[in-house]
C-alpha atoms as a PDB file:
ATOM      1  CA  MET A   1     200.313  60.015-104.813  1.00  0.00           C
ATOM      2  CA  LYS A   2     200.973  63.528-103.288  1.00  0.00           C
ATOM      3  CA  ILE A   3     198.261  65.266-101.002  1.00  0.00           C
ATOM      4  CA  LEU A   4     198.009  68.614 -99.568  1.00  0.00           C
ATOM      5  CA  ILE A   5     195.827  69.258 -96.672  1.00  0.00           C
ATOM      6  CA  ALA A   6     194.673  72.764 -96.368  1.00  0.00           C
ATOM      7  CA  LEU A   7     194.301  73.520 -92.865  1.00  0.00           C
ATOM      8  CA  ASP A   8     193.168  76.385 -90.600  1.00  0.00           C
ATOM      9  CA  ILE A   9     195.046  75.736 -87.169  1.00  0.00           C
ATOM     10  CA  HIS A  10     192.539  78.229 -85.568  1.00  0.00           C
ATOM     11  CA  LYS A  11     189.152  76.109 -86.546  1.00  0.00           C
ATOM     12  CA  GLN A  12     188.828  72.746 -86.035  1.00  0.00           C
ATOM     13  CA  ALA A  13     192.464  71.437 -88.058  1.00  0.00           C
ATOM     14  CA  ASP A  14     191.974  68.270 -85.763  1.00  0.00           C
ATOM     15  CA  PRO A  15     189.131  67.296 -87.061  1.00  0.00           C
ATOM     16  CA  LEU A  16     189.960  67.710 -90.328  1.00  0.00           C
ATOM     17  CA  LEU A  17     193.046  65.644 -90.249  1.00  0.00           C
ATOM     18  CA  SER A  18     191.764  63.150 -88.197  1.00  0.00           C
ATOM     19  CA  ALA A  19     189.132  62.860 -90.826  1.00  0.00           C
ATOM     20  CA  ALA A  20     191.472  63.032 -93.497  1.00  0.00           C
ATOM     21  CA  LEU A  21     193.690  60.017 -92.189  1.00  0.00           C
ATOM     22  CA  SER A  22     190.497  58.187 -91.586  1.00  0.00           C
ATOM     23  CA  TRP A  23     189.826  58.670 -95.213  1.00  0.00           C
ATOM     24  CA  LEU A  24     193.229  58.012 -96.511  1.00  0.00           C
ATOM     25  CA  GLU A  25     193.599  54.974 -94.150  1.00  0.00           C
ATOM     26  CA  GLY A  26     195.033  51.312 -95.802  1.00  0.00           C
ATOM     27  CA  ARG A  27     195.529  53.306 -98.913  1.00  0.00           C
ATOM     28  CA  THR A  28     199.198  51.748-100.310  1.00  0.00           C
ATOM     29  CA  ASP A  29     199.420  54.388-102.994  1.00  0.00           C
ATOM     30  CA  ILE A  30     199.893  57.917-100.713  1.00  0.00           C
ATOM     31  CA  ASP A  31     203.688  58.663-101.064  1.00  0.00           C
ATOM     32  CA  LYS A  32     203.720  62.002 -99.060  1.00  0.00           C
ATOM     33  CA  ILE A  33     200.890  64.063 -97.036  1.00  0.00           C
ATOM     34  CA  ASP A  34     201.726  67.624 -96.952  1.00  0.00           C
ATOM     35  CA  LEU A  35     200.014  70.200 -94.794  1.00  0.00           C
ATOM     36  CA  VAL A  36     199.313  74.177 -95.579  1.00  0.00           C
ATOM     37  CA  HIS A  37     198.222  76.918 -93.483  1.00  0.00           C
ATOM     38  CA  ALA A  38     197.911  79.889 -95.041  1.00  0.00           C
ATOM     39  CA  PHE A  39     199.226  83.002 -92.932  1.00  0.00           C
ATOM     40  CA  ASP A  40     198.208  86.303 -93.986  1.00  0.00           C
ATOM     41  CA  LEU A  41     200.713  88.969 -92.696  1.00  0.00           C
ATOM     42  CA  ALA A  42     198.523  92.161 -93.596  1.00  0.00           C
ATOM     43  CA  PRO A  43     199.499  95.829 -92.173  1.00  0.00           C
ATOM     44  CA  ALA A  44     197.119  97.562 -89.706  1.00  0.00           C
ATOM     45  CA  THR A  45     194.072  98.939 -91.489  1.00  0.00           C
ATOM     46  CA  GLY A  46     195.347 102.318 -93.491  1.00  0.00           C
ATOM     47  CA  ALA A  47     198.709 102.181 -92.553  1.00  0.00           C
ATOM     48  CA  GLY A  48     201.112 102.290 -95.780  1.00  0.00           C
ATOM     49  CA  TRP A  49     203.642  99.495 -95.979  1.00  0.00           C
ATOM     50  CA  GLY A  50     206.650 101.784 -95.473  1.00  0.00           C
ATOM     51  CA  GLU A  51     205.219 103.388 -92.099  1.00  0.00           C
ATOM     52  CA  SER A  52     207.742 101.597 -89.710  1.00  0.00           C
ATOM     53  CA  ILE A  53     206.121 102.813 -86.221  1.00  0.00           C
ATOM     54  CA  VAL A  54     203.249 100.248 -87.203  1.00  0.00           C
ATOM     55  CA  TRP A  55     205.502  97.688 -88.011  1.00  0.00           C
ATOM     56  CA  HIS A  56     208.075  98.515 -85.062  1.00  0.00           C
ATOM     57  CA  ASP A  57     204.779  97.988 -82.913  1.00  0.00           C
ATOM     58  CA  VAL A  58     203.361  95.028 -85.420  1.00  0.00           C
ATOM     59  CA  LEU A  59     206.363  92.998 -86.228  1.00  0.00           C
ATOM     60  CA  PRO A  60     206.913  91.135 -82.764  1.00  0.00           C
ATOM     61  CA  GLN A  61     203.422  90.333 -82.184  1.00  0.00           C
ATOM     62  CA  TRP A  62     203.553  89.096 -86.186  1.00  0.00           C
ATOM     63  CA  GLU A  63     206.449  87.312 -85.109  1.00  0.00           C
ATOM     64  CA  ARG A  64     205.125  85.216 -82.206  1.00  0.00           C
ATOM     65  CA  ALA A  65     202.056  84.782 -83.680  1.00  0.00           C
ATOM     66  CA  HIS A  66     203.639  82.718 -86.934  1.00  0.00           C
ATOM     67  CA  ALA A  67     205.876  80.959 -84.284  1.00  0.00           C
ATOM     68  CA  LYS A  68     202.738  79.568 -82.745  1.00  0.00           C
ATOM     69  CA  ALA A  69     200.998  78.624 -85.900  1.00  0.00           C
ATOM     70  CA  ARG A  70     203.971  76.689 -86.695  1.00  0.00           C
ATOM     71  CA  ALA A  71     204.378  74.975 -83.658  1.00  0.00           C
ATOM     72  CA  ASP A  72     200.889  74.088 -84.026  1.00  0.00           C
ATOM     73  CA  LEU A  73     201.429  72.852 -87.724  1.00  0.00           C
ATOM     74  CA  GLU A  74     204.466  70.648 -86.594  1.00  0.00           C
ATOM     75  CA  ALA A  75     202.255  69.251 -84.133  1.00  0.00           C
ATOM     76  CA  LEU A  76     199.435  68.325 -86.759  1.00  0.00           C
ATOM     77  CA  LEU A  77     202.297  66.760 -88.650  1.00  0.00           C
ATOM     78  CA  ALA A  78     203.577  64.735 -86.229  1.00  0.00           C
ATOM     79  CA  LYS A  79     200.362  62.863 -86.418  1.00  0.00           C
ATOM     80  CA  ILE A  80     200.627  61.685 -90.023  1.00  0.00           C
ATOM     81  CA  PRO A  81     202.294  58.195 -89.885  1.00  0.00           C
ATOM     82  CA  GLU A  82     205.990  58.798 -90.566  1.00  0.00           C
ATOM     83  CA  LYS A  83     206.192  56.606 -93.801  1.00  0.00           C
ATOM     84  CA  GLN A  84     203.762  58.992 -95.543  1.00  0.00           C
ATOM     85  CA  ARG A  85     204.700  62.735 -93.440  1.00  0.00           C
ATOM     86  CA  GLY A  86     205.475  65.364 -95.991  1.00  0.00           C
ATOM     87  CA  MET A  87     205.849  69.196 -94.703  1.00  0.00           C
ATOM     88  CA  ALA A  88     204.310  71.550 -92.746  1.00  0.00           C
ATOM     89  CA  MET A  89     204.375  74.817 -94.866  1.00  0.00           C
ATOM     90  CA  LEU A  90     203.138  78.124 -93.784  1.00  0.00           C
ATOM     91  CA  PRO A  91     203.350  80.111 -97.078  1.00  0.00           C
ATOM     92  CA  LEU A  92     202.786  84.378 -96.301  1.00  0.00           C
ATOM     93  CA  GLY A  93     199.197  85.243 -97.986  1.00  0.00           C
ATOM     94  CA  GLY A  94     195.821  84.183 -97.860  1.00  0.00           C
ATOM     95  CA  PRO A  95     194.462  81.004 -98.374  1.00  0.00           C
ATOM     96  CA  ASP A  96     192.669  81.678-101.516  1.00  0.00           C
ATOM     97  CA  ARG A  97     195.368  82.550-103.341  1.00  0.00           C
ATOM     98  CA  MET A  98     198.731  80.583-101.653  1.00  0.00           C
ATOM     99  CA  VAL A  99     196.829  76.957-101.304  1.00  0.00           C
ATOM    100  CA  PRO A 100     195.263  77.085-105.230  1.00  0.00           C
ATOM    101  CA  ARG A 101     198.945  78.119-106.474  1.00  0.00           C
ATOM    102  CA  MET A 102     200.171  75.239-104.547  1.00  0.00           C
ATOM    103  CA  SER A 103     197.618  72.786-106.157  1.00  0.00           C
ATOM    104  CA  SER A 104     199.625  72.359-109.303  1.00  0.00           C
ATOM    105  CA  ARG A 105     202.175  69.819-107.270  1.00  0.00           C
ATOM    106  CA  TYR A 106     199.198  67.811-106.082  1.00  0.00           C
ATOM    107  CA  ASP A 107     197.606  64.886-106.852  1.00  0.00           C
ATOM    108  CA  LEU A 108     194.677  65.867-104.255  1.00  0.00           C
ATOM    109  CA  VAL A 109     194.046  68.533-102.125  1.00  0.00           C
ATOM    110  CA  ILE A 110     192.126  67.964 -98.737  1.00  0.00           C
ATOM    111  CA  VAL A 111     189.787  70.959 -97.491  1.00  0.00           C
ATOM    112  CA  GLY A 112     187.527  71.343 -94.553  1.00  0.00           C
ATOM    113  CA  THR A 113     184.077  73.758 -94.752  1.00  0.00           C
ATOM    114  CA  HIS A 114     182.315  74.608 -92.109  1.00  0.00           C
ATOM    115  CA  GLN A 115     179.011  75.089 -94.106  1.00  0.00           C
ATOM    116  CA  HIS A 116     178.544  78.529 -93.735  1.00  0.00           C
ATOM    117  CA  GLN A 117     174.658  79.276 -95.175  1.00  0.00           C
ATOM    118  CA  GLY A 118     172.446  82.240 -95.190  1.00  0.00           C
ATOM    119  CA  LEU A 119     174.069  85.491 -94.292  1.00  0.00           C
ATOM    120  CA  LYS A 120     177.312  83.825 -92.324  1.00  0.00           C
ATOM    121  CA  ARG A 121     177.968  82.571 -96.303  1.00  0.00           C
ATOM    122  CA  MET A 122     177.382  85.437 -97.831  1.00  0.00           C
ATOM    123  CA  TRP A 123     179.656  87.592 -95.486  1.00  0.00           C
ATOM    124  CA  LEU A 124     182.565  85.279 -95.043  1.00  0.00           C
ATOM    125  CA  GLY A 125     182.037  83.000 -98.107  1.00  0.00           C
ATOM    126  CA  SER A 126     183.291  80.000 -98.484  1.00  0.00           C
ATOM    127  CA  HIS A 127     187.313  78.864 -98.859  1.00  0.00           C
ATOM    128  CA  ALA A 128     186.544  75.418-100.034  1.00  0.00           C
ATOM    129  CA  GLU A 129     184.476  76.862-102.493  1.00  0.00           C
ATOM    130  CA  ARG A 130     187.056  79.223-104.018  1.00  0.00           C
ATOM    131  CA  LEU A 131     189.770  76.571-104.168  1.00  0.00           C
ATOM    132  CA  VAL A 132     187.492  73.972-105.871  1.00  0.00           C
ATOM    133  CA  ARG A 133     186.993  76.317-108.428  1.00  0.00           C
ATOM    134  CA  ARG A 134     190.785  77.592-109.080  1.00  0.00           C
ATOM    135  CA  SER A 135     192.804  74.345-107.719  1.00  0.00           C
ATOM    136  CA  ASP A 136     194.635  72.515-110.656  1.00  0.00           C
ATOM    137  CA  ALA A 137     194.440  69.276-108.361  1.00  0.00           C
ATOM    138  CA  PRO A 138     190.583  67.483-107.549  1.00  0.00           C
ATOM    139  CA  VAL A 139     189.520  68.816-103.999  1.00  0.00           C
ATOM    140  CA  LEU A 140     188.233  66.539-101.609  1.00  0.00           C
ATOM    141  CA  VAL A 141     185.860  68.865 -98.967  1.00  0.00           C
ATOM    142  CA  VAL A 142     185.488  67.182 -95.507  1.00  0.00           C
ATOM    143  CA  PRO A 143     181.989  68.669 -93.678  1.00  0.00           C
ATOM    144  CA  LEU A 144     183.021  69.707 -90.175  1.00  0.00           C
ATOM    145  CA  LYS A 145     180.198  70.413 -87.941  1.00  0.00           C
ATOM    146  CA  ASN A 146     179.953  74.209 -87.008  1.00  0.00           C
ATOM    147  CA  ARG A 147     181.368  75.210 -83.725  1.00  0.00           C
ATOM    148  CA  GLU A 148     177.126  76.757 -83.119  1.00  0.00           C
ATOM    149  CA  LEU A 149     175.864  72.781 -83.449  1.00  0.00           C
ATOM    150  CA  GLN A 150     178.627  71.521 -81.416  1.00  0.00           C
ATOM    151  CA  ASP A 151     178.368  74.161 -78.228  1.00  0.00           C
ATOM    152  CA  GLY A 152     174.502  75.483 -79.430  1.00  0.00           C
ATOM    153  CA  SER A 153     175.687  78.889 -79.248  1.00  0.00           C
ATOM    154  CA  PRO A 154     174.481  81.364 -81.838  1.00  0.00           C
END
């Protein structure tokens, strides 16, 4: 069985990975576990793709952010048992588009949800919900505690 864990390395990636590995613990049918963090590349608001002054300013920042994301994802990958450890992937594009495209190569996709409700859900949407609708593979949605619930802030 090939498993893809879709992570947002900026928001609770460790709890999701821990929950997924705990759930998968003891299973003997797992060949590989791959990690993915879709890395969005977007030009500055209002700028065209060809405006070199914008890219001259933005590209070094983007390269640093991409390198940090790569290092963070590799650190998470190291937590997977070596026998089952697959690849760490950072495709360019939004998660709502990239993860469903990749899903056909897997037997299971695991994703976390922050369980936003009300106006937050309306404005932020649910990546997990969209993935469930668009994925070619079964999707396991792992509920993660909201940061607001953990630290008491609104």
